[in-house]
Amino acid sequence: MIRVTRLNDRPFVINADLIRTIEQNPDTIITLVSGEHLVVKESMDTIIERVIEYGRHLRKLTPPT
């Protein structure tokens, strides 16, 4: 899960695995695999960094095989 902020300053979290696309023009729009569109304050680069960090966090929680 990653934390993002709506344009009205209300924070919320989304499942990073459900992100289909991220666009910035000029607002940042996240499109989920369901087709739902979310407009957020964070830049596209910030969201990408958070998704990468989320993935790294998940890999740390996985026990070695």
C-alpha atoms as a PDB file:
ATOM      1  CA  MET A   1       0.000   0.000   0.000  1.00  0.00           C
ATOM      2  CA  ILE A   2       1.191   3.521  -0.748  1.00  0.00           C
ATOM      3  CA  ARG A   3      -0.042   6.781   0.752  1.00  0.00           C
ATOM      4  CA  VAL A   4      -1.179   9.540  -1.600  1.00  0.00           C
ATOM      5  CA  THR A   5      -3.118  12.795  -1.209  1.00  0.00           C
ATOM      6  CA  ARG A   6      -6.283  13.943  -2.967  1.00  0.00           C
ATOM      7  CA  LEU A   7      -6.407  17.495  -4.303  1.00  0.00           C
ATOM      8  CA  ASN A   8      -8.519  18.465  -1.246  1.00  0.00           C
ATOM      9  CA  ASP A   9      -5.564  17.471   1.015  1.00  0.00           C
ATOM     10  CA  ARG A  10      -7.208  14.247   2.244  1.00  0.00           C
ATOM     11  CA  PRO A  11      -4.663  11.411   2.431  1.00  0.00           C
ATOM     12  CA  PHE A  12      -5.565   7.860   1.458  1.00  0.00           C
ATOM     13  CA  VAL A  13      -3.781   4.645   0.550  1.00  0.00           C
ATOM     14  CA  ILE A  14      -3.975   2.530  -2.570  1.00  0.00           C
ATOM     15  CA  ASN A  15      -2.747  -0.934  -3.359  1.00  0.00           C
ATOM     16  CA  ALA A  16       0.316  -0.376  -5.538  1.00  0.00           C
ATOM     17  CA  ASP A  17      -0.256  -3.723  -7.260  1.00  0.00           C
ATOM     18  CA  LEU A  18      -3.517  -2.391  -8.728  1.00  0.00           C
ATOM     19  CA  ILE A  19      -1.965   0.575 -10.549  1.00  0.00           C
ATOM     20  CA  ARG A  20      -2.259   0.281 -14.326  1.00  0.00           C
ATOM     21  CA  THR A  21      -0.928   3.700 -15.397  1.00  0.00           C
ATOM     22  CA  ILE A  22       0.240   7.022 -13.967  1.00  0.00           C
ATOM     23  CA  GLU A  23      -0.111  10.227 -16.005  1.00  0.00           C
ATOM     24  CA  GLN A  24       0.948  13.783 -15.252  1.00  0.00           C
ATOM     25  CA  ASN A  25      -0.684  16.525 -17.323  1.00  0.00           C
ATOM     26  CA  PRO A  26      -0.490  18.763 -15.160  1.00  0.00           C
ATOM     27  CA  ASP A  27      -2.376  16.907 -12.391  1.00  0.00           C
ATOM     28  CA  THR A  28      -1.262  13.382 -11.612  1.00  0.00           C
ATOM     29  CA  ILE A  29      -3.856  10.775 -12.547  1.00  0.00           C
ATOM     30  CA  ILE A  30      -3.536   7.179 -11.368  1.00  0.00           C
ATOM     31  CA  THR A  31      -5.560   4.637 -13.315  1.00  0.00           C
ATOM     32  CA  LEU A  32      -6.232   1.345 -11.562  1.00  0.00           C
ATOM     33  CA  VAL A  33      -6.713  -2.023 -13.251  1.00  0.00           C
ATOM     34  CA  SER A  34     -10.445  -1.632 -12.528  1.00  0.00           C
ATOM     35  CA  GLY A  35     -10.500   1.485 -14.745  1.00  0.00           C
ATOM     36  CA  GLU A  36     -11.024   3.839 -11.793  1.00  0.00           C
ATOM     37  CA  HIS A  37      -9.144   7.159 -12.081  1.00  0.00           C
ATOM     38  CA  LEU A  38      -7.654   8.887  -9.036  1.00  0.00           C
ATOM     39  CA  VAL A  39      -6.333  12.470  -9.149  1.00  0.00           C
ATOM     40  CA  VAL A  40      -3.591  13.093  -6.583  1.00  0.00           C
ATOM     41  CA  LYS A  41      -1.222  15.876  -5.505  1.00  0.00           C
ATOM     42  CA  GLU A  42       1.969  13.831  -5.673  1.00  0.00           C
ATOM     43  CA  SER A  43       4.100  13.914  -8.805  1.00  0.00           C
ATOM     44  CA  MET A  44       4.419  10.904 -11.063  1.00  0.00           C
ATOM     45  CA  ASP A  45       8.054  10.463  -9.973  1.00  0.00           C
ATOM     46  CA  THR A  46       7.076  10.491  -6.282  1.00  0.00           C
ATOM     47  CA  ILE A  47       4.458   7.804  -6.850  1.00  0.00           C
ATOM     48  CA  ILE A  48       6.940   5.669  -8.780  1.00  0.00           C
ATOM     49  CA  GLU A  49       9.442   5.987  -5.916  1.00  0.00           C
ATOM     50  CA  ARG A  50       6.787   4.926  -3.399  1.00  0.00           C
ATOM     51  CA  VAL A  51       5.774   1.923  -5.506  1.00  0.00           C
ATOM     52  CA  ILE A  52       9.413   0.831  -5.774  1.00  0.00           C
ATOM     53  CA  GLU A  53       9.912   1.246  -2.016  1.00  0.00           C
ATOM     54  CA  TYR A  54       6.701  -0.725  -1.381  1.00  0.00           C
ATOM     55  CA  GLY A  55       8.044  -3.575  -3.544  1.00  0.00           C
ATOM     56  CA  ARG A  56      11.369  -3.532  -1.702  1.00  0.00           C
ATOM     57  CA  HIS A  57       9.541  -3.661   1.615  1.00  0.00           C
ATOM     58  CA  LEU A  58       7.534  -6.692   0.482  1.00  0.00           C
ATOM     59  CA  ARG A  59      10.658  -8.550  -0.633  1.00  0.00           C
ATOM     60  CA  LYS A  60      12.237  -7.974   2.793  1.00  0.00           C
ATOM     61  CA  LEU A  61       9.217  -9.614   4.450  1.00  0.00           C
ATOM     62  CA  THR A  62       9.490 -12.746   2.301  1.00  0.00           C
ATOM     63  CA  PRO A  63      11.340 -15.575   4.047  1.00  0.00           C
ATOM     64  CA  PRO A  64      14.310 -17.051   2.171  1.00  0.00           C
ATOM     65  CA  THR A  65      13.575 -20.160   0.100  1.00  0.00           C
END
